[in-house]
Amino acid sequence: MKQAILTLLTFALLLLNSCIDGEEEIFLHSDGSARLKAVYTVPVLIFSDEDAAELEAIIAKEIGDEKDLELVTNTVAKVNGKQVITIELKTDNVVDLEGLLDDHDDPGEGESESKSDKMLHALVGKFVIEREGLQADIHRKVDLAPLLEQYMGKRGVSLLGDSEFRYTIHFPHAVDYSNAHEVLNEGKTLKWRYKLAESKTKPIELVMVATVPLPWWLYAAAGSVLVVLLLLLWSLIRRLRA
């Protein structure tokens, strides 16, 4: 009976504190650069201060040490009984996000990945960027089911309630196709909302196809070539008239 009461109290605490929230926003620019900001909220009950400190250190090592990425913000702070994780990074080339964390250090022999390590890799997911001509196919997959099941139990997902992850991506031009739940700004802004309770049966997927804008220097080079050709043509006409 005592064990049953403790179990019920644990579930009650989970119900009161199980609001897991995620908000990501990515800005893609016409020169290929990108800026990403992500804020996640996790209850202290399932993510302790020790876990938070470890996560901050892992982010600093695995993302901060990437030579093509600039880690602008990396904080994990406890606010009202919840761990608030804030990550902000910049890159000169959005393609550098592909394969992010693929080369992370594996745990040593006899060791296993920590909760913080698993959380970081689950949140980042997998980026795949394929280019064909002037079109780029961008696909991101985030599978949270194994993480939620391991640390909240097989029935823990049902306690998530209205917890959700939200994603927003701003493009410099309208996209050609996407599976976004909402399209704004004449097709330049895409938004997704995923309930975490549904992530047990299928992963979060962001799919989009966009035309890759040509860099400014290509237009400048083409203009320079055109000017040279016109000058040569004008010079040739003058000689023929002479």
C-alpha atoms as a PDB file:
ATOM      1  CA  MET A   1       0.000   0.000   0.000  1.00  0.00           C
ATOM      2  CA  LYS A   2       2.828   2.357   0.887  1.00  0.00           C
ATOM      3  CA  GLN A   3       4.511   1.677  -2.442  1.00  0.00           C
ATOM      4  CA  ALA A   4       1.228   2.308  -4.259  1.00  0.00           C
ATOM      5  CA  ILE A   5       0.808   5.654  -2.494  1.00  0.00           C
ATOM      6  CA  LEU A   6       4.364   6.670  -3.389  1.00  0.00           C
ATOM      7  CA  THR A   7       3.713   5.714  -6.998  1.00  0.00           C
ATOM      8  CA  LEU A   8       0.524   7.787  -7.070  1.00  0.00           C
ATOM      9  CA  LEU A   9       2.349  10.745  -5.554  1.00  0.00           C
ATOM     10  CA  THR A  10       5.065  10.433  -8.169  1.00  0.00           C
ATOM     11  CA  PHE A  11       2.503  10.442 -10.954  1.00  0.00           C
ATOM     12  CA  ALA A  12       0.799  13.435  -9.359  1.00  0.00           C
ATOM     13  CA  LEU A  13       4.074  15.337  -9.298  1.00  0.00           C
ATOM     14  CA  LEU A  14       4.663  14.437 -12.927  1.00  0.00           C
ATOM     15  CA  LEU A  15       1.231  15.732 -13.841  1.00  0.00           C
ATOM     16  CA  LEU A  16       1.973  19.010 -12.099  1.00  0.00           C
ATOM     17  CA  ASN A  17       5.451  19.436 -13.541  1.00  0.00           C
ATOM     18  CA  SER A  18       5.451  17.508 -16.807  1.00  0.00           C
ATOM     19  CA  CYS A  19       5.152  20.535 -19.065  1.00  0.00           C
ATOM     20  CA  ILE A  20       7.971  19.971 -21.534  1.00  0.00           C
ATOM     21  CA  ASP A  21       8.174  22.780 -24.047  1.00  0.00           C
ATOM     22  CA  GLY A  22      10.369  23.530 -27.035  1.00  0.00           C
ATOM     23  CA  GLU A  23      10.656  26.565 -29.303  1.00  0.00           C
ATOM     24  CA  GLU A  24      13.069  26.779 -32.239  1.00  0.00           C
ATOM     25  CA  GLU A  25      13.496  29.582 -34.740  1.00  0.00           C
ATOM     26  CA  ILE A  26      15.861  29.562 -37.719  1.00  0.00           C
ATOM     27  CA  PHE A  27      16.670  32.508 -39.976  1.00  0.00           C
ATOM     28  CA  LEU A  28      18.097  31.610 -43.396  1.00  0.00           C
ATOM     29  CA  HIS A  29      19.688  34.411 -45.410  1.00  0.00           C
ATOM     30  CA  SER A  30      20.208  34.832 -49.140  1.00  0.00           C
ATOM     31  CA  ASP A  31      24.010  34.538 -48.770  1.00  0.00           C
ATOM     32  CA  GLY A  32      23.624  31.030 -47.306  1.00  0.00           C
ATOM     33  CA  SER A  33      24.254  32.036 -43.703  1.00  0.00           C
ATOM     34  CA  ALA A  34      21.881  31.051 -40.910  1.00  0.00           C
ATOM     35  CA  ARG A  35      21.046  31.820 -37.291  1.00  0.00           C
ATOM     36  CA  LEU A  36      19.287  29.397 -34.956  1.00  0.00           C
ATOM     37  CA  LYS A  37      17.829  29.967 -31.509  1.00  0.00           C
ATOM     38  CA  ALA A  38      16.269  27.193 -29.447  1.00  0.00           C
ATOM     39  CA  VAL A  39      14.669  27.309 -25.994  1.00  0.00           C
ATOM     40  CA  TYR A  40      13.585  24.099 -24.242  1.00  0.00           C
ATOM     41  CA  THR A  41      11.871  23.746 -20.872  1.00  0.00           C
ATOM     42  CA  VAL A  42      12.152  20.490 -18.912  1.00  0.00           C
ATOM     43  CA  PRO A  43      10.876  19.771 -15.356  1.00  0.00           C
ATOM     44  CA  VAL A  44      13.559  19.465 -12.673  1.00  0.00           C
ATOM     45  CA  LEU A  45      11.841  16.237 -11.618  1.00  0.00           C
ATOM     46  CA  ILE A  46      13.183  14.476 -14.704  1.00  0.00           C
ATOM     47  CA  PHE A  47      16.224  16.699 -15.416  1.00  0.00           C
ATOM     48  CA  SER A  48      18.292  17.533 -12.331  1.00  0.00           C
ATOM     49  CA  ASP A  49      20.797  20.339 -11.730  1.00  0.00           C
ATOM     50  CA  GLU A  50      23.596  17.831 -12.349  1.00  0.00           C
ATOM     51  CA  ASP A  51      22.049  16.865 -15.680  1.00  0.00           C
ATOM     52  CA  ALA A  52      21.722  20.557 -16.571  1.00  0.00           C
ATOM     53  CA  ALA A  53      25.370  21.315 -15.781  1.00  0.00           C
ATOM     54  CA  GLU A  54      26.486  18.314 -17.801  1.00  0.00           C
ATOM     55  CA  LEU A  55      24.329  19.331 -20.770  1.00  0.00           C
ATOM     56  CA  GLU A  56      25.807  22.825 -20.781  1.00  0.00           C
ATOM     57  CA  ALA A  57      29.319  21.346 -20.830  1.00  0.00           C
ATOM     58  CA  ILE A  58      28.452  18.922 -23.643  1.00  0.00           C
ATOM     59  CA  ILE A  59      26.975  21.716 -25.774  1.00  0.00           C
ATOM     60  CA  ALA A  60      30.109  23.823 -25.233  1.00  0.00           C
ATOM     61  CA  LYS A  61      32.298  20.920 -26.319  1.00  0.00           C
ATOM     62  CA  GLU A  62      30.370  19.322 -29.172  1.00  0.00           C
ATOM     63  CA  ILE A  63      28.856  22.445 -30.738  1.00  0.00           C
ATOM     64  CA  GLY A  64      31.144  25.201 -29.452  1.00  0.00           C
ATOM     65  CA  ASP A  65      34.232  23.435 -30.825  1.00  0.00           C
ATOM     66  CA  GLU A  66      32.781  23.188 -34.353  1.00  0.00           C
ATOM     67  CA  LYS A  67      34.992  25.469 -36.467  1.00  0.00           C
ATOM     68  CA  ASP A  68      32.205  26.399 -38.894  1.00  0.00           C
ATOM     69  CA  LEU A  69      29.676  27.268 -36.165  1.00  0.00           C
ATOM     70  CA  GLU A  70      29.575  30.139 -33.688  1.00  0.00           C
ATOM     71  CA  LEU A  71      27.943  29.288 -30.369  1.00  0.00           C
ATOM     72  CA  VAL A  72      26.400  32.594 -29.287  1.00  0.00           C
ATOM     73  CA  THR A  73      24.352  31.437 -26.292  1.00  0.00           C
ATOM     74  CA  ASN A  74      24.612  28.306 -24.163  1.00  0.00           C
ATOM     75  CA  THR A  75      22.776  28.472 -20.846  1.00  0.00           C
ATOM     76  CA  VAL A  76      20.791  26.094 -18.657  1.00  0.00           C
ATOM     77  CA  ALA A  77      18.988  27.890 -15.831  1.00  0.00           C
ATOM     78  CA  LYS A  78      16.452  26.695 -13.245  1.00  0.00           C
ATOM     79  CA  VAL A  79      13.276  28.792 -13.304  1.00  0.00           C
ATOM     80  CA  ASN A  80      10.190  27.926 -11.223  1.00  0.00           C
ATOM     81  CA  GLY A  81      11.122  24.273 -10.855  1.00  0.00           C
ATOM     82  CA  LYS A  82      12.034  23.820 -14.514  1.00  0.00           C
ATOM     83  CA  GLN A  83      15.313  23.731 -16.418  1.00  0.00           C
ATOM     84  CA  VAL A  84      15.332  26.304 -19.220  1.00  0.00           C
ATOM     85  CA  ILE A  85      17.831  25.365 -21.935  1.00  0.00           C
ATOM     86  CA  THR A  86      18.801  28.153 -24.356  1.00  0.00           C
ATOM     87  CA  ILE A  87      21.013  27.552 -27.378  1.00  0.00           C
ATOM     88  CA  GLU A  88      21.812  30.098 -30.074  1.00  0.00           C
ATOM     89  CA  LEU A  89      24.290  29.610 -32.894  1.00  0.00           C
ATOM     90  CA  LYS A  90      25.328  31.151 -36.196  1.00  0.00           C
ATOM     91  CA  THR A  91      26.913  29.773 -39.342  1.00  0.00           C
ATOM     92  CA  ASP A  92      28.087  31.270 -42.626  1.00  0.00           C
ATOM     93  CA  ASN A  93      26.812  28.231 -44.499  1.00  0.00           C
ATOM     94  CA  VAL A  94      23.569  26.472 -43.576  1.00  0.00           C
ATOM     95  CA  VAL A  95      24.961  23.244 -45.061  1.00  0.00           C
ATOM     96  CA  ASP A  96      27.254  23.081 -42.012  1.00  0.00           C
ATOM     97  CA  LEU A  97      24.218  22.074 -39.952  1.00  0.00           C
ATOM     98  CA  GLU A  98      24.035  18.809 -41.878  1.00  0.00           C
ATOM     99  CA  GLY A  99      25.544  15.987 -39.874  1.00  0.00           C
ATOM    100  CA  LEU A 100      25.758  18.130 -36.745  1.00  0.00           C
ATOM    101  CA  LEU A 101      26.929  15.957 -33.804  1.00  0.00           C
ATOM    102  CA  ASP A 102      27.554  12.963 -36.084  1.00  0.00           C
ATOM    103  CA  ASP A 103      31.216  13.012 -35.088  1.00  0.00           C
ATOM    104  CA  HIS A 104      30.659  13.272 -31.346  1.00  0.00           C
ATOM    105  CA  ASP A 105      32.890  11.292 -29.022  1.00  0.00           C
ATOM    106  CA  ASP A 106      31.515   7.847 -28.245  1.00  0.00           C
ATOM    107  CA  PRO A 107      31.528   6.758 -24.606  1.00  0.00           C
ATOM    108  CA  GLY A 108      34.469   4.650 -23.534  1.00  0.00           C
ATOM    109  CA  GLU A 109      34.402   0.897 -23.114  1.00  0.00           C
ATOM    110  CA  GLY A 110      31.968  -0.156 -20.414  1.00  0.00           C
ATOM    111  CA  GLU A 111      30.367   3.293 -20.378  1.00  0.00           C
ATOM    112  CA  SER A 112      27.046   4.461 -21.766  1.00  0.00           C
ATOM    113  CA  GLU A 113      25.712   7.773 -23.005  1.00  0.00           C
ATOM    114  CA  SER A 114      24.473  10.043 -20.245  1.00  0.00           C
ATOM    115  CA  LYS A 115      20.945  11.435 -20.106  1.00  0.00           C
ATOM    116  CA  SER A 116      22.241  14.882 -21.143  1.00  0.00           C
ATOM    117  CA  ASP A 117      24.106  13.467 -24.135  1.00  0.00           C
ATOM    118  CA  LYS A 118      21.071  11.508 -25.282  1.00  0.00           C
ATOM    119  CA  MET A 119      18.836  14.553 -24.860  1.00  0.00           C
ATOM    120  CA  LEU A 120      21.098  16.802 -26.939  1.00  0.00           C
ATOM    121  CA  HIS A 121      21.298  14.312 -29.796  1.00  0.00           C
ATOM    122  CA  ALA A 122      17.559  13.672 -29.677  1.00  0.00           C
ATOM    123  CA  LEU A 123      16.720  17.396 -29.766  1.00  0.00           C
ATOM    124  CA  VAL A 124      19.072  18.139 -32.659  1.00  0.00           C
ATOM    125  CA  GLY A 125      17.941  15.115 -34.653  1.00  0.00           C
ATOM    126  CA  LYS A 126      19.195  14.585 -38.186  1.00  0.00           C
ATOM    127  CA  PHE A 127      19.628  17.252 -40.868  1.00  0.00           C
ATOM    128  CA  VAL A 128      19.812  16.142 -44.505  1.00  0.00           C
ATOM    129  CA  ILE A 129      20.337  18.773 -47.218  1.00  0.00           C
ATOM    130  CA  GLU A 130      20.373  17.682 -50.864  1.00  0.00           C
ATOM    131  CA  ARG A 131      20.929  20.033 -53.781  1.00  0.00           C
ATOM    132  CA  GLU A 132      19.916  19.449 -57.380  1.00  0.00           C
ATOM    133  CA  GLY A 133      20.458  22.348 -59.712  1.00  0.00           C
ATOM    134  CA  LEU A 134      19.072  25.469 -58.062  1.00  0.00           C
ATOM    135  CA  GLN A 135      16.795  23.508 -55.715  1.00  0.00           C
ATOM    136  CA  ALA A 136      17.611  22.369 -52.198  1.00  0.00           C
ATOM    137  CA  ASP A 137      15.698  19.625 -50.369  1.00  0.00           C
ATOM    138  CA  ILE A 138      15.918  20.070 -46.605  1.00  0.00           C
ATOM    139  CA  HIS A 139      14.764  17.275 -44.307  1.00  0.00           C
ATOM    140  CA  ARG A 140      15.042  17.201 -40.536  1.00  0.00           C
ATOM    141  CA  LYS A 141      13.969  14.285 -38.373  1.00  0.00           C
ATOM    142  CA  VAL A 142      13.641  14.420 -34.576  1.00  0.00           C
ATOM    143  CA  ASP A 143      12.832  11.125 -32.850  1.00  0.00           C
ATOM    144  CA  LEU A 144      12.025  11.675 -29.171  1.00  0.00           C
ATOM    145  CA  ALA A 145      10.214   8.393 -28.496  1.00  0.00           C
ATOM    146  CA  PRO A 146      13.213   6.381 -27.150  1.00  0.00           C
ATOM    147  CA  LEU A 147      14.243   9.251 -24.866  1.00  0.00           C
ATOM    148  CA  LEU A 148      10.751   9.791 -23.458  1.00  0.00           C
ATOM    149  CA  GLU A 149      10.166   6.078 -22.939  1.00  0.00           C
ATOM    150  CA  GLN A 150      13.480   5.557 -21.176  1.00  0.00           C
ATOM    151  CA  TYR A 151      13.177   8.434 -18.721  1.00  0.00           C
ATOM    152  CA  MET A 152       9.390   8.724 -18.332  1.00  0.00           C
ATOM    153  CA  GLY A 153       8.420   5.078 -18.701  1.00  0.00           C
ATOM    154  CA  LYS A 154       6.269   3.360 -21.300  1.00  0.00           C
ATOM    155  CA  ARG A 155       3.150   5.101 -20.002  1.00  0.00           C
ATOM    156  CA  GLY A 156       4.890   8.379 -19.281  1.00  0.00           C
ATOM    157  CA  VAL A 157       4.065   9.817 -22.684  1.00  0.00           C
ATOM    158  CA  SER A 158       0.408   9.951 -21.666  1.00  0.00           C
ATOM    159  CA  LEU A 159       1.392  12.419 -18.921  1.00  0.00           C
ATOM    160  CA  LEU A 160       2.732  14.953 -21.401  1.00  0.00           C
ATOM    161  CA  GLY A 161      -0.676  16.513 -21.948  1.00  0.00           C
ATOM    162  CA  ASP A 162      -0.440  19.581 -24.182  1.00  0.00           C
ATOM    163  CA  SER A 163       3.364  19.650 -24.192  1.00  0.00           C
ATOM    164  CA  GLU A 164       4.600  20.490 -27.654  1.00  0.00           C
ATOM    165  CA  PHE A 165       7.596  21.487 -29.752  1.00  0.00           C
ATOM    166  CA  ARG A 166       7.292  24.419 -32.155  1.00  0.00           C
ATOM    167  CA  TYR A 167       9.550  25.159 -35.089  1.00  0.00           C
ATOM    168  CA  THR A 168       9.747  28.324 -37.215  1.00  0.00           C
ATOM    169  CA  ILE A 169      11.971  28.790 -40.273  1.00  0.00           C
ATOM    170  CA  HIS A 170      12.338  32.093 -42.137  1.00  0.00           C
ATOM    171  CA  PHE A 171      13.506  31.883 -45.765  1.00  0.00           C
ATOM    172  CA  PRO A 172      14.754  34.799 -47.907  1.00  0.00           C
ATOM    173  CA  HIS A 173      12.357  33.682 -50.665  1.00  0.00           C
ATOM    174  CA  ALA A 174       9.115  31.713 -50.824  1.00  0.00           C
ATOM    175  CA  VAL A 175       9.602  27.944 -50.594  1.00  0.00           C
ATOM    176  CA  ASP A 176       8.423  25.651 -53.379  1.00  0.00           C
ATOM    177  CA  TYR A 177       7.057  22.925 -51.083  1.00  0.00           C
ATOM    178  CA  SER A 178       6.856  22.022 -47.393  1.00  0.00           C
ATOM    179  CA  ASN A 179       4.894  19.950 -44.895  1.00  0.00           C
ATOM    180  CA  ALA A 180       4.561  22.981 -42.584  1.00  0.00           C
ATOM    181  CA  HIS A 181       1.400  23.342 -40.536  1.00  0.00           C
ATOM    182  CA  GLU A 182       1.285  27.076 -41.230  1.00  0.00           C
ATOM    183  CA  VAL A 183       2.750  29.204 -44.033  1.00  0.00           C
ATOM    184  CA  LEU A 184       3.129  32.962 -43.553  1.00  0.00           C
ATOM    185  CA  ASN A 185       4.814  35.981 -45.118  1.00  0.00           C
ATOM    186  CA  GLU A 186       3.947  34.980 -48.714  1.00  0.00           C
ATOM    187  CA  GLY A 187       5.548  31.569 -48.323  1.00  0.00           C
ATOM    188  CA  LYS A 188       8.768  32.792 -46.696  1.00  0.00           C
ATOM    189  CA  THR A 189       7.935  31.745 -43.123  1.00  0.00           C
ATOM    190  CA  LEU A 190       7.089  28.161 -42.176  1.00  0.00           C
ATOM    191  CA  LYS A 191       5.738  26.972 -38.830  1.00  0.00           C
ATOM    192  CA  TRP A 192       5.308  23.483 -37.338  1.00  0.00           C
ATOM    193  CA  ARG A 193       3.639  22.421 -34.065  1.00  0.00           C
ATOM    194  CA  TYR A 194       4.047  18.864 -32.774  1.00  0.00           C
ATOM    195  CA  LYS A 195       2.426  17.441 -29.649  1.00  0.00           C
ATOM    196  CA  LEU A 196       4.982  15.367 -27.745  1.00  0.00           C
ATOM    197  CA  ALA A 197       2.321  12.843 -26.810  1.00  0.00           C
ATOM    198  CA  GLU A 198       2.129  11.942 -30.505  1.00  0.00           C
ATOM    199  CA  SER A 199       5.890  11.568 -30.897  1.00  0.00           C
ATOM    200  CA  LYS A 200       5.779   8.021 -29.507  1.00  0.00           C
ATOM    201  CA  THR A 201       4.147   6.692 -32.678  1.00  0.00           C
ATOM    202  CA  LYS A 202       5.982   8.822 -35.238  1.00  0.00           C
ATOM    203  CA  PRO A 203       8.977  11.160 -35.213  1.00  0.00           C
ATOM    204  CA  ILE A 204       8.868  14.892 -35.817  1.00  0.00           C
ATOM    205  CA  GLU A 205       9.674  15.664 -39.447  1.00  0.00           C
ATOM    206  CA  LEU A 206      10.317  18.995 -41.155  1.00  0.00           C
ATOM    207  CA  VAL A 207      10.354  18.784 -44.949  1.00  0.00           C
ATOM    208  CA  MET A 208      10.850  21.663 -47.365  1.00  0.00           C
ATOM    209  CA  VAL A 209      12.034  22.328 -50.928  1.00  0.00           C
ATOM    210  CA  ALA A 210      13.352  25.773 -51.792  1.00  0.00           C
ATOM    211  CA  THR A 211      15.090  27.451 -54.702  1.00  0.00           C
ATOM    212  CA  VAL A 212      18.655  28.344 -53.819  1.00  0.00           C
ATOM    213  CA  PRO A 213      19.321  32.033 -54.580  1.00  0.00           C
ATOM    214  CA  LEU A 214      22.449  32.732 -56.600  1.00  0.00           C
ATOM    215  CA  PRO A 215      25.132  34.642 -54.651  1.00  0.00           C
ATOM    216  CA  TRP A 216      25.491  38.375 -55.340  1.00  0.00           C
ATOM    217  CA  TRP A 217      29.011  37.994 -56.730  1.00  0.00           C
ATOM    218  CA  LEU A 218      27.706  35.757 -59.512  1.00  0.00           C
ATOM    219  CA  TYR A 219      25.409  38.535 -60.703  1.00  0.00           C
ATOM    220  CA  ALA A 220      28.308  41.017 -60.420  1.00  0.00           C
ATOM    221  CA  ALA A 221      30.569  38.714 -62.429  1.00  0.00           C
ATOM    222  CA  ALA A 222      27.907  38.238 -65.110  1.00  0.00           C
ATOM    223  CA  GLY A 223      27.410  42.007 -65.281  1.00  0.00           C
ATOM    224  CA  SER A 224      31.147  42.562 -65.648  1.00  0.00           C
ATOM    225  CA  VAL A 225      31.361  40.022 -68.474  1.00  0.00           C
ATOM    226  CA  LEU A 226      28.432  41.710 -70.227  1.00  0.00           C
ATOM    227  CA  VAL A 227      30.104  45.122 -69.959  1.00  0.00           C
ATOM    228  CA  VAL A 228      33.352  43.735 -71.403  1.00  0.00           C
ATOM    229  CA  LEU A 229      31.475  42.119 -74.293  1.00  0.00           C
ATOM    230  CA  LEU A 230      29.658  45.373 -75.052  1.00  0.00           C
ATOM    231  CA  LEU A 231      32.937  47.301 -75.035  1.00  0.00           C
ATOM    232  CA  LEU A 232      34.535  44.756 -77.383  1.00  0.00           C
ATOM    233  CA  LEU A 233      31.524  44.907 -79.684  1.00  0.00           C
ATOM    234  CA  TRP A 234      31.581  48.715 -79.709  1.00  0.00           C
ATOM    235  CA  SER A 235      35.326  48.689 -80.462  1.00  0.00           C
ATOM    236  CA  LEU A 236      34.793  46.207 -83.303  1.00  0.00           C
ATOM    237  CA  ILE A 237      32.016  48.344 -84.827  1.00  0.00           C
ATOM    238  CA  ARG A 238      34.241  51.432 -84.732  1.00  0.00           C
ATOM    239  CA  ARG A 239      37.020  49.574 -86.544  1.00  0.00           C
ATOM    240  CA  LEU A 240      34.630  48.270 -89.201  1.00  0.00           C
ATOM    241  CA  ARG A 241      33.323  51.797 -89.813  1.00  0.00           C
ATOM    242  CA  ALA A 242      36.859  53.131 -90.072  1.00  0.00           C
END
